[in-house]
Protein backbone atom coordinates (compact mmCIF):
# COMPACT_ATOMS: atom_id res chain seq x y z
CA MET A 1 -3.18 -7.04 24.60
CA SER A 2 -3.82 -3.74 26.68
CA TRP A 3 -5.16 -0.56 24.99
CA LEU A 4 -1.92 1.19 26.31
CA SER A 5 0.39 -1.48 25.45
CA LEU A 6 3.08 -1.15 22.68
CA PRO A 7 2.17 -3.97 20.97
CA PHE A 8 -1.41 -2.31 20.59
CA ALA A 9 -0.09 1.22 19.33
CA LEU A 10 1.79 -0.70 16.48
CA VAL A 11 -0.98 -2.48 15.40
CA ALA A 12 -2.90 0.30 15.47
CA ALA A 13 -0.24 2.31 13.76
CA HIS A 14 0.21 -0.36 11.26
CA VAL A 15 -3.55 -0.19 10.48
CA LEU A 16 -3.82 3.42 10.16
CA ALA A 17 -0.90 3.90 7.93
CA ASN A 18 -2.42 0.97 5.91
CA VAL A 19 -5.47 2.64 5.03
CA VAL A 20 -3.60 5.79 4.01
CA TRP A 21 -1.01 3.75 1.79
CA ILE A 22 -3.72 1.59 0.49
CA GLY A 23 -6.10 4.66 -0.44
CA ALA A 24 -3.21 6.91 -1.81
CA LEU A 25 -2.06 4.50 -3.82
CA LEU A 26 -5.37 3.89 -5.64
CA ALA A 27 -5.89 7.34 -6.04
CA VAL A 28 -2.27 7.64 -7.64
CA ALA A 29 -3.38 4.65 -10.07
CA ALA A 30 -6.77 6.39 -11.10
CA PHE A 31 -5.19 9.66 -11.66
CA GLY A 32 -2.18 8.16 -13.74
CA ALA A 33 -4.83 5.97 -15.74
CA GLY A 34 -7.16 8.69 -16.36
CA ALA A 35 -4.25 11.16 -17.34
CA ALA A 36 -4.17 10.36 -21.19
CA GLY A 37 -8.09 11.54 -21.17
CA SER A 38 -7.54 14.70 -19.72
CA ALA A 39 -6.54 18.15 -21.30
CA ALA A 40 -3.26 18.31 -19.23
CA PRO A 41 -1.87 14.71 -19.02
CA ALA A 42 1.45 15.98 -17.77
CA GLU A 43 -0.44 18.17 -14.91
CA VAL A 44 -2.40 15.31 -13.63
CA GLY A 45 0.84 12.79 -13.68
CA ALA A 46 2.45 15.69 -11.46
CA LEU A 47 -0.63 15.73 -9.14
CA ALA A 48 -0.30 11.67 -9.03
CA ARG A 49 3.11 11.84 -8.32
CA ARG A 50 2.85 14.24 -5.78
CA VAL A 51 0.28 12.16 -4.25
CA TYR A 52 2.52 9.15 -4.41
CA THR A 53 5.70 11.01 -2.61
CA ARG A 54 3.71 13.16 0.15
CA LEU A 55 1.42 10.29 1.30
CA ALA A 56 1.88 6.82 -0.43
CA VAL A 57 5.60 6.60 0.38
CA PRO A 58 5.53 8.18 3.69
CA ALA A 59 2.04 5.61 4.67
CA PHE A 60 4.36 2.91 3.46
CA ALA A 61 7.12 3.63 5.35
CA ALA A 62 5.04 4.19 8.73
CA SER A 63 3.21 0.50 7.85
CA PHE A 64 6.43 -1.22 7.35
CA MET A 65 8.26 0.27 10.19
CA ALA A 66 5.01 -0.51 12.84
CA GLY A 67 4.69 -3.71 11.49
CA LEU A 68 8.55 -4.67 11.82
CA GLY A 69 8.36 -3.47 15.07
CA ARG A 70 5.20 -5.58 16.15
CA ILE A 71 7.20 -8.77 14.65
CA LEU A 72 10.02 -7.69 16.18
CA LEU A 73 8.81 -8.06 19.76
CA GLU A 74 7.13 -11.44 19.48
CA PRO A 75 9.44 -13.20 16.30
CA ARG A 76 9.10 -16.70 17.80
CA ALA A 77 5.51 -16.20 17.97
CA TYR A 78 4.77 -14.65 14.35
CA ALA A 79 7.17 -17.33 12.65
CA HIS A 80 5.06 -20.24 13.55
CA MET A 81 1.55 -18.71 12.40
CA PRO A 82 0.67 -19.92 8.86
CA TRP A 83 -1.57 -16.98 8.39
CA MET A 84 1.43 -14.82 8.80
CA HIS A 85 3.13 -16.11 6.01
CA ALA A 86 0.30 -16.01 3.40
CA LYS A 87 -0.12 -12.16 4.84
CA LEU A 88 3.45 -11.11 4.07
CA THR A 89 3.59 -12.84 0.72
CA LEU A 90 0.41 -10.25 0.07
CA ALA A 91 2.15 -7.45 1.50
CA VAL A 92 5.36 -8.23 -0.42
CA ALA A 93 2.99 -7.95 -3.94
CA VAL A 94 1.33 -4.94 -2.69
CA ILE A 95 4.69 -3.61 -1.87
CA ALA A 96 6.10 -4.75 -5.40
CA LEU A 97 2.98 -2.97 -7.01
CA HIS A 98 3.50 0.20 -5.22
CA HIS A 99 6.93 0.66 -6.60
CA ILE A 100 5.55 -0.22 -10.47
CA ILE A 101 2.56 2.25 -9.77
CA GLY A 102 5.18 5.09 -8.62
CA ALA A 103 7.06 4.38 -11.61
CA ARG A 104 4.77 4.68 -14.20
CA VAL A 105 3.17 7.81 -12.84
CA GLY A 106 6.56 9.42 -12.81
CA ARG A 107 6.84 8.63 -16.34
CA VAL A 108 3.21 10.05 -16.97
CA ALA A 109 4.43 13.16 -15.12
CA ALA A 110 7.49 13.49 -17.53
CA GLY A 111 5.06 13.29 -20.26
CA SER A 112 4.43 10.04 -21.32
CA THR A 113 0.63 9.27 -21.08
CA ASP A 114 1.21 5.77 -22.49
CA ALA A 115 2.65 4.90 -18.79
CA GLY A 116 -0.57 5.42 -17.59
CA ARG A 117 -2.16 2.40 -19.58
CA GLY A 118 -2.46 -1.05 -17.21
CA LEU A 119 -2.66 1.41 -14.04
CA GLY A 120 -6.18 0.32 -13.68
CA ILE A 121 -5.02 -3.73 -13.80
CA PHE A 122 -1.99 -2.46 -11.10
CA ALA A 123 -4.68 -1.01 -8.70
CA PHE A 124 -6.93 -3.78 -8.76
CA ALA A 125 -4.37 -5.75 -7.88
CA THR A 126 -3.52 -3.77 -5.43
CA PHE A 127 -6.86 -3.74 -4.12
CA VAL A 128 -7.22 -7.61 -3.92
CA CYS A 129 -3.93 -8.05 -2.23
CA ALA A 130 -4.45 -5.70 0.26
CA ALA A 131 -8.22 -6.96 0.90
CA GLY A 132 -6.54 -10.95 1.17
CA ALA A 133 -4.35 -9.52 3.89
CA VAL A 134 -6.89 -7.80 5.84
CA LEU A 135 -9.01 -10.78 5.46
CA LEU A 136 -6.24 -12.69 7.05
CA GLY A 137 -5.86 -10.42 9.84
CA VAL A 138 -9.46 -9.87 10.70
CA ALA A 139 -9.62 -13.55 10.52
CA LYS A 140 -6.77 -14.60 13.14
CA SER A 141 -8.51 -12.23 15.51
CA LEU A 142 -11.71 -13.97 15.52
CA PRO A 143 -12.83 -16.61 18.01
């Protein structure tokens, strides 16, 4: 794969978007989980919601589009890669967690501090699934 090729650019964009997406999502979960113990929980929730809508959501969209674009360039090749099926399963889990975390911090921002409970577990699950996807992606590229 050439440095100036479309496949390379799509993979690079996908990886960069994932770094921003997962980092933002973990920060959102941390803010949301800590909101109940703060002096202004709704304000902390509102900050978490802003990070979610301004960083996590656009980065997710960029990651999804770049990943889909890369797969669409060679769909038959990817269909026969067992590691890709496992990676996509982990990605779907992260997408589900993304929506759960986003909904919870939305409720925290609206004043329901109880919605922040359990966000640490969702953050940990997000990290584990993202780490698994990274390990599969890196392992497939090694000789």
